[in-house]
N, C-alpha and C. Protein backbone atom coordinates (compact mmCIF):
# COMPACT_ATOMS: atom_id res chain seq x y z
N UNK A 1 0.85 -1.19 0.00
CA UNK A 1 0.00 0.01 0.01
C UNK A 1 0.88 1.24 0.01
N UNK A 2 0.58 2.17 -0.87
CA UNK A 2 1.35 3.39 -1.00
C UNK A 2 0.99 4.34 0.13
N UNK A 3 2.01 5.00 0.69
CA UNK A 3 1.78 5.93 1.80
C UNK A 3 1.25 7.26 1.23
N UNK A 4 0.36 7.90 2.00
CA UNK A 4 -0.16 9.20 1.60
C UNK A 4 0.96 10.21 1.46
N UNK A 5 0.79 11.20 0.59
CA UNK A 5 1.81 12.22 0.43
C UNK A 5 2.02 12.98 1.74
N UNK A 6 3.27 13.35 1.99
CA UNK A 6 3.59 14.15 3.18
C UNK A 6 3.51 15.63 2.84
N UNK A 7 2.69 16.34 3.59
CA UNK A 7 2.56 17.79 3.45
C UNK A 7 3.31 18.40 4.61
N UNK A 8 4.26 19.29 4.28
CA UNK A 8 5.03 20.00 5.31
C UNK A 8 4.60 21.47 5.23
N UNK A 9 4.31 22.03 6.42
CA UNK A 9 3.86 23.41 6.52
C UNK A 9 4.93 24.21 7.25
N UNK A 10 5.38 25.31 6.62
CA UNK A 10 6.32 26.23 7.22
C UNK A 10 5.74 27.64 7.13
N UNK A 11 6.25 28.56 7.93
CA UNK A 11 5.81 29.94 7.90
C UNK A 11 6.30 30.70 9.12
N UNK A 12 6.07 31.98 9.10
CA UNK A 12 6.47 32.81 10.24
C UNK A 12 5.65 32.43 11.47
N UNK A 13 6.15 32.84 12.63
CA UNK A 13 5.43 32.61 13.89
C UNK A 13 4.02 33.17 13.78
N UNK A 14 3.05 32.41 14.26
CA UNK A 14 1.64 32.81 14.33
C UNK A 14 0.99 32.97 12.96
N UNK A 15 1.57 32.35 11.94
CA UNK A 15 0.96 32.43 10.61
C UNK A 15 -0.16 31.42 10.43
N UNK A 16 -0.26 30.43 11.31
CA UNK A 16 -1.34 29.45 11.23
C UNK A 16 -0.87 28.04 11.00
N UNK A 17 0.41 27.76 11.21
CA UNK A 17 0.96 26.43 10.95
C UNK A 17 0.26 25.34 11.77
N UNK A 18 0.15 25.54 13.05
CA UNK A 18 -0.47 24.53 13.92
C UNK A 18 -1.95 24.38 13.60
N UNK A 19 -2.63 25.48 13.42
CA UNK A 19 -4.05 25.45 13.07
C UNK A 19 -4.28 24.69 11.79
N UNK A 20 -3.53 25.01 10.75
CA UNK A 20 -3.67 24.33 9.45
C UNK A 20 -3.30 22.87 9.57
N UNK A 21 -2.21 22.59 10.24
CA UNK A 21 -1.77 21.20 10.40
C UNK A 21 -2.82 20.35 11.08
N UNK A 22 -3.37 20.84 12.17
CA UNK A 22 -4.42 20.09 12.89
C UNK A 22 -5.67 19.91 12.03
N UNK A 23 -6.04 20.97 11.34
CA UNK A 23 -7.23 20.88 10.47
C UNK A 23 -7.06 19.90 9.34
N UNK A 24 -5.89 19.90 8.69
CA UNK A 24 -5.66 18.95 7.59
C UNK A 24 -5.55 17.52 8.11
N UNK A 25 -4.94 17.33 9.27
CA UNK A 25 -4.89 15.99 9.87
C UNK A 25 -6.30 15.47 10.13
N UNK A 26 -7.17 16.35 10.61
CA UNK A 26 -8.56 15.96 10.87
C UNK A 26 -9.28 15.56 9.58
N UNK A 27 -8.80 16.05 8.44
CA UNK A 27 -9.38 15.67 7.15
C UNK A 27 -8.70 14.43 6.57
N UNK A 28 -7.72 13.89 7.28
CA UNK A 28 -7.08 12.65 6.83
C UNK A 28 -5.74 12.82 6.14
N UNK A 29 -5.20 14.00 6.08
CA UNK A 29 -3.91 14.21 5.44
C UNK A 29 -2.77 13.81 6.38
N UNK A 30 -1.65 13.47 5.79
CA UNK A 30 -0.40 13.24 6.55
C UNK A 30 0.37 14.56 6.52
N UNK A 31 0.50 15.18 7.69
CA UNK A 31 1.02 16.56 7.78
C UNK A 31 2.08 16.66 8.84
N UNK A 32 3.10 17.47 8.55
CA UNK A 32 4.09 17.86 9.57
C UNK A 32 4.17 19.40 9.51
N UNK A 33 4.09 20.01 10.67
CA UNK A 33 4.35 21.44 10.76
C UNK A 33 5.79 21.58 11.19
N UNK A 34 6.45 22.63 10.72
CA UNK A 34 7.87 22.75 10.96
C UNK A 34 8.20 24.20 11.26
N UNK A 35 8.78 24.43 12.43
CA UNK A 35 9.16 25.78 12.84
C UNK A 35 10.51 26.15 12.23
N UNK A 36 10.54 26.18 10.91
CA UNK A 36 11.76 26.49 10.16
C UNK A 36 12.33 27.86 10.54
N UNK A 37 11.44 28.78 10.92
CA UNK A 37 11.90 30.14 11.24
C UNK A 37 12.82 30.17 12.46
N UNK A 38 12.86 29.08 13.23
CA UNK A 38 13.74 29.01 14.40
C UNK A 38 14.94 28.11 14.17
N UNK A 39 15.08 27.63 12.95
CA UNK A 39 16.11 26.64 12.63
C UNK A 39 17.49 27.30 12.45
N UNK A 40 18.51 26.47 12.58
CA UNK A 40 19.87 26.95 12.30
C UNK A 40 20.21 26.77 10.83
N UNK A 41 19.35 26.12 10.08
CA UNK A 41 19.57 25.88 8.65
C UNK A 41 18.38 26.38 7.86
N UNK A 42 18.65 27.15 6.83
CA UNK A 42 17.56 27.68 6.01
C UNK A 42 16.85 26.60 5.20
N UNK A 43 17.48 25.44 5.06
CA UNK A 43 16.91 24.37 4.25
C UNK A 43 16.61 23.12 5.05
N UNK A 44 16.51 23.25 6.36
CA UNK A 44 16.29 22.08 7.20
C UNK A 44 14.98 21.37 6.87
N UNK A 45 13.98 22.10 6.40
CA UNK A 45 12.70 21.51 6.02
C UNK A 45 12.88 20.41 4.98
N UNK A 46 13.92 20.49 4.16
CA UNK A 46 14.14 19.51 3.10
C UNK A 46 14.41 18.12 3.64
N UNK A 47 14.93 18.04 4.85
CA UNK A 47 15.22 16.71 5.46
C UNK A 47 13.95 15.92 5.75
N UNK A 48 12.81 16.59 5.74
CA UNK A 48 11.55 15.90 5.92
C UNK A 48 11.06 15.26 4.62
N UNK A 49 11.69 15.62 3.48
CA UNK A 49 11.34 15.10 2.16
C UNK A 49 9.85 15.24 1.87
N UNK A 50 9.33 16.48 1.91
CA UNK A 50 7.89 16.66 1.69
C UNK A 50 7.51 16.38 0.24
N UNK A 51 6.32 15.86 0.08
CA UNK A 51 5.74 15.75 -1.26
C UNK A 51 5.13 17.10 -1.66
N UNK A 52 4.63 17.82 -0.64
CA UNK A 52 4.05 19.14 -0.86
C UNK A 52 4.57 20.06 0.25
N UNK A 53 5.08 21.22 -0.13
CA UNK A 53 5.52 22.22 0.83
C UNK A 53 4.54 23.38 0.78
N UNK A 54 3.92 23.66 1.92
CA UNK A 54 2.97 24.78 2.07
C UNK A 54 3.66 25.86 2.88
N UNK A 55 3.68 27.05 2.32
CA UNK A 55 4.29 28.19 3.00
C UNK A 55 3.20 29.16 3.42
N UNK A 56 3.15 29.47 4.72
CA UNK A 56 2.17 30.42 5.24
C UNK A 56 2.87 31.73 5.59
N UNK A 57 2.21 32.82 5.22
CA UNK A 57 2.73 34.12 5.57
C UNK A 57 1.58 35.00 6.05
N UNK A 58 1.93 35.99 6.85
CA UNK A 58 0.96 36.99 7.29
C UNK A 58 1.73 38.23 7.70
N UNK A 59 1.02 39.31 7.88
CA UNK A 59 1.64 40.56 8.26
C UNK A 59 2.03 40.56 9.74
N UNK A 60 2.93 41.44 10.09
CA UNK A 60 3.31 41.58 11.49
C UNK A 60 2.11 42.05 12.31
N UNK A 61 1.26 42.90 11.73
CA UNK A 61 0.08 43.38 12.42
C UNK A 61 -0.87 42.22 12.77
N UNK A 62 -1.01 41.27 11.85
CA UNK A 62 -1.85 40.11 12.12
C UNK A 62 -1.26 39.26 13.24
N UNK A 63 0.05 39.10 13.24
CA UNK A 63 0.71 38.34 14.32
C UNK A 63 0.40 38.97 15.66
N UNK A 64 0.48 40.30 15.73
CA UNK A 64 0.22 41.00 16.99
C UNK A 64 -1.21 40.82 17.45
N UNK A 65 -2.15 40.66 16.51
CA UNK A 65 -3.55 40.44 16.87
C UNK A 65 -3.77 38.99 17.35
N UNK A 66 -3.03 38.07 16.77
CA UNK A 66 -3.23 36.64 17.10
C UNK A 66 -2.52 36.22 18.38
N UNK A 67 -1.45 36.88 18.70
CA UNK A 67 -0.60 36.41 19.79
C UNK A 67 0.10 37.58 20.45
N UNK A 68 0.37 37.42 21.72
CA UNK A 68 1.18 38.43 22.42
C UNK A 68 2.63 38.19 22.04
N UNK A 69 3.08 38.86 21.01
CA UNK A 69 4.45 38.69 20.54
C UNK A 69 5.34 39.68 21.29
N UNK A 70 6.28 39.16 22.02
CA UNK A 70 7.18 40.00 22.79
C UNK A 70 8.42 40.39 21.99
N UNK A 71 8.34 40.19 20.72
CA UNK A 71 9.45 40.53 19.84
C UNK A 71 8.95 41.53 18.81
N UNK A 72 9.85 42.23 18.20
CA UNK A 72 9.48 43.31 17.30
C UNK A 72 9.51 42.96 15.83
N UNK A 73 9.28 43.96 15.03
CA UNK A 73 9.18 43.80 13.59
C UNK A 73 10.52 43.36 12.99
N UNK A 74 11.62 43.69 13.62
CA UNK A 74 12.94 43.26 13.09
C UNK A 74 13.06 41.73 13.11
N UNK A 75 12.59 41.12 14.20
CA UNK A 75 12.61 39.65 14.27
C UNK A 75 11.69 39.06 13.20
N UNK A 76 10.57 39.67 13.00
CA UNK A 76 9.64 39.25 11.93
C UNK A 76 10.35 39.28 10.58
N UNK A 77 11.04 40.38 10.31
CA UNK A 77 11.77 40.50 9.04
C UNK A 77 12.87 39.45 8.92
N UNK A 78 13.55 39.16 10.02
CA UNK A 78 14.57 38.10 10.02
C UNK A 78 13.93 36.74 9.69
N UNK A 79 12.75 36.50 10.25
CA UNK A 79 12.06 35.24 9.96
C UNK A 79 11.74 35.13 8.48
N UNK A 80 11.22 36.22 7.89
CA UNK A 80 10.92 36.22 6.45
C UNK A 80 12.18 35.93 5.66
N UNK A 81 13.27 36.56 6.03
CA UNK A 81 14.54 36.34 5.34
C UNK A 81 15.00 34.88 5.50
N UNK A 82 14.88 34.36 6.70
CA UNK A 82 15.29 32.99 6.99
C UNK A 82 14.44 31.99 6.21
N UNK A 83 13.22 32.33 5.95
CA UNK A 83 12.29 31.43 5.28
C UNK A 83 12.27 31.60 3.75
N UNK A 84 13.13 32.46 3.23
CA UNK A 84 13.11 32.78 1.81
C UNK A 84 13.25 31.54 0.92
N UNK A 85 14.15 30.60 1.28
CA UNK A 85 14.34 29.40 0.47
C UNK A 85 13.06 28.57 0.46
N UNK A 86 12.45 28.39 1.62
CA UNK A 86 11.20 27.60 1.69
C UNK A 86 10.12 28.27 0.85
N UNK A 87 10.05 29.58 0.90
CA UNK A 87 9.03 30.29 0.10
C UNK A 87 9.26 30.05 -1.39
N UNK A 88 10.50 30.13 -1.81
CA UNK A 88 10.85 29.91 -3.23
C UNK A 88 10.54 28.49 -3.68
N UNK A 89 10.65 27.52 -2.79
CA UNK A 89 10.46 26.12 -3.13
C UNK A 89 9.02 25.64 -2.91
N UNK A 90 8.19 26.47 -2.29
CA UNK A 90 6.83 26.06 -1.89
C UNK A 90 5.96 25.70 -3.09
N UNK A 91 5.16 24.68 -2.88
CA UNK A 91 4.16 24.30 -3.88
C UNK A 91 2.92 25.15 -3.74
N UNK A 92 2.70 25.67 -2.53
CA UNK A 92 1.52 26.47 -2.26
C UNK A 92 1.92 27.56 -1.24
N UNK A 93 1.65 28.80 -1.59
CA UNK A 93 1.93 29.94 -0.69
C UNK A 93 0.57 30.56 -0.34
N UNK A 94 0.34 30.71 0.97
CA UNK A 94 -0.95 31.23 1.43
C UNK A 94 -0.71 32.37 2.37
N UNK A 95 -1.31 33.51 2.05
CA UNK A 95 -1.30 34.67 2.98
C UNK A 95 -2.53 34.50 3.87
N UNK A 96 -2.30 34.34 5.16
CA UNK A 96 -3.37 33.92 6.07
C UNK A 96 -4.08 35.06 6.77
N UNK A 97 -3.72 36.31 6.52
CA UNK A 97 -4.28 37.45 7.26
C UNK A 97 -5.80 37.47 7.34
N UNK A 98 -6.47 37.22 6.24
CA UNK A 98 -7.92 37.39 6.22
C UNK A 98 -8.73 36.14 6.51
N UNK A 99 -8.07 35.06 6.84
CA UNK A 99 -8.78 33.78 7.03
C UNK A 99 -9.11 33.53 8.51
N UNK A 100 -10.28 32.98 8.74
CA UNK A 100 -10.56 32.38 10.04
C UNK A 100 -9.85 31.02 10.02
N UNK A 101 -9.69 30.36 11.16
CA UNK A 101 -9.07 29.03 11.13
C UNK A 101 -9.80 28.05 10.19
N UNK A 102 -11.11 28.03 10.25
CA UNK A 102 -11.89 27.13 9.40
C UNK A 102 -11.72 27.46 7.92
N UNK A 103 -11.73 28.75 7.60
CA UNK A 103 -11.56 29.18 6.21
C UNK A 103 -10.18 28.78 5.68
N UNK A 104 -9.15 28.91 6.51
CA UNK A 104 -7.81 28.53 6.11
C UNK A 104 -7.74 27.07 5.77
N UNK A 105 -8.26 26.23 6.63
CA UNK A 105 -8.23 24.79 6.39
C UNK A 105 -8.98 24.44 5.10
N UNK A 106 -10.17 24.99 4.93
CA UNK A 106 -10.96 24.68 3.74
C UNK A 106 -10.29 25.20 2.47
N UNK A 107 -9.68 26.39 2.54
CA UNK A 107 -8.99 26.95 1.37
C UNK A 107 -7.85 26.04 0.95
N UNK A 108 -7.00 25.65 1.91
CA UNK A 108 -5.86 24.81 1.57
C UNK A 108 -6.34 23.43 1.12
N UNK A 109 -7.38 22.90 1.73
CA UNK A 109 -7.95 21.63 1.30
C UNK A 109 -8.34 21.70 -0.19
N UNK A 110 -9.02 22.77 -0.57
CA UNK A 110 -9.41 22.96 -2.00
C UNK A 110 -8.17 23.08 -2.88
N UNK A 111 -7.19 23.83 -2.45
CA UNK A 111 -5.98 24.02 -3.26
C UNK A 111 -5.22 22.70 -3.42
N UNK A 112 -5.16 21.90 -2.36
CA UNK A 112 -4.49 20.59 -2.45
C UNK A 112 -5.22 19.70 -3.44
N UNK A 113 -6.55 19.77 -3.43
CA UNK A 113 -7.31 19.00 -4.39
C UNK A 113 -6.99 19.43 -5.83
N UNK A 114 -6.79 20.73 -6.04
CA UNK A 114 -6.40 21.23 -7.36
C UNK A 114 -5.03 20.70 -7.77
N UNK A 115 -4.16 20.43 -6.79
CA UNK A 115 -2.84 19.88 -7.06
C UNK A 115 -2.89 18.35 -7.20
N UNK A 116 -4.10 17.78 -7.08
CA UNK A 116 -4.23 16.33 -7.18
C UNK A 116 -3.92 15.60 -5.88
N UNK A 117 -3.94 16.32 -4.77
CA UNK A 117 -3.61 15.73 -3.48
C UNK A 117 -4.82 15.80 -2.56
N UNK A 118 -5.97 16.07 -3.10
CA UNK A 118 -7.17 16.21 -2.28
C UNK A 118 -7.63 14.92 -1.67
N UNK A 119 -8.44 15.03 -0.66
CA UNK A 119 -9.05 13.90 0.02
C UNK A 119 -10.55 13.99 -0.23
N UNK A 120 -11.18 12.86 -0.33
CA UNK A 120 -12.65 12.82 -0.47
C UNK A 120 -13.25 13.01 0.91
N UNK A 121 -14.53 13.29 0.94
CA UNK A 121 -15.24 13.48 2.22
C UNK A 121 -15.12 12.26 3.13
N UNK A 122 -15.01 11.06 2.55
CA UNK A 122 -14.92 9.84 3.36
C UNK A 122 -13.47 9.56 3.78
N UNK A 123 -12.53 10.47 3.43
CA UNK A 123 -11.13 10.30 3.83
C UNK A 123 -10.30 9.54 2.80
N UNK A 124 -10.92 9.03 1.72
CA UNK A 124 -10.15 8.29 0.72
C UNK A 124 -9.40 9.26 -0.18
N UNK A 125 -8.35 8.79 -0.79
CA UNK A 125 -7.49 9.58 -1.66
C UNK A 125 -8.24 9.91 -2.95
N UNK A 126 -8.16 11.17 -3.37
CA UNK A 126 -8.76 11.56 -4.66
C UNK A 126 -7.90 11.02 -5.77
N UNK A 127 -8.52 10.68 -6.89
CA UNK A 127 -7.76 10.16 -8.03
C UNK A 127 -7.51 11.22 -9.05
């Protein structure tokens, strides 16, 4: 039996990685979220050998609304710089500012289906 494709999610802090990962897992996807922005290697995500790389981004203002960030905009900019390789290699880039958690999961679910990685309502693999 062939293993489901591995979806790896990277992005800046508070961009929605955990929310999206949990939501996609609940839909039956095989998902790993990866805090690449804290890594010592800009390409560490590659060691996970993802079949699909999803990159999440959002504005610093959105981060401040979602979480009590005790760090400033300079750290945010460093994270974006650190994640540049992952962004360039991503199969799907999603700006999460305007999404509710449910909307984000459904949007990415639809986009994955467009890439041929969608899941059916019963959890079976789309053909």
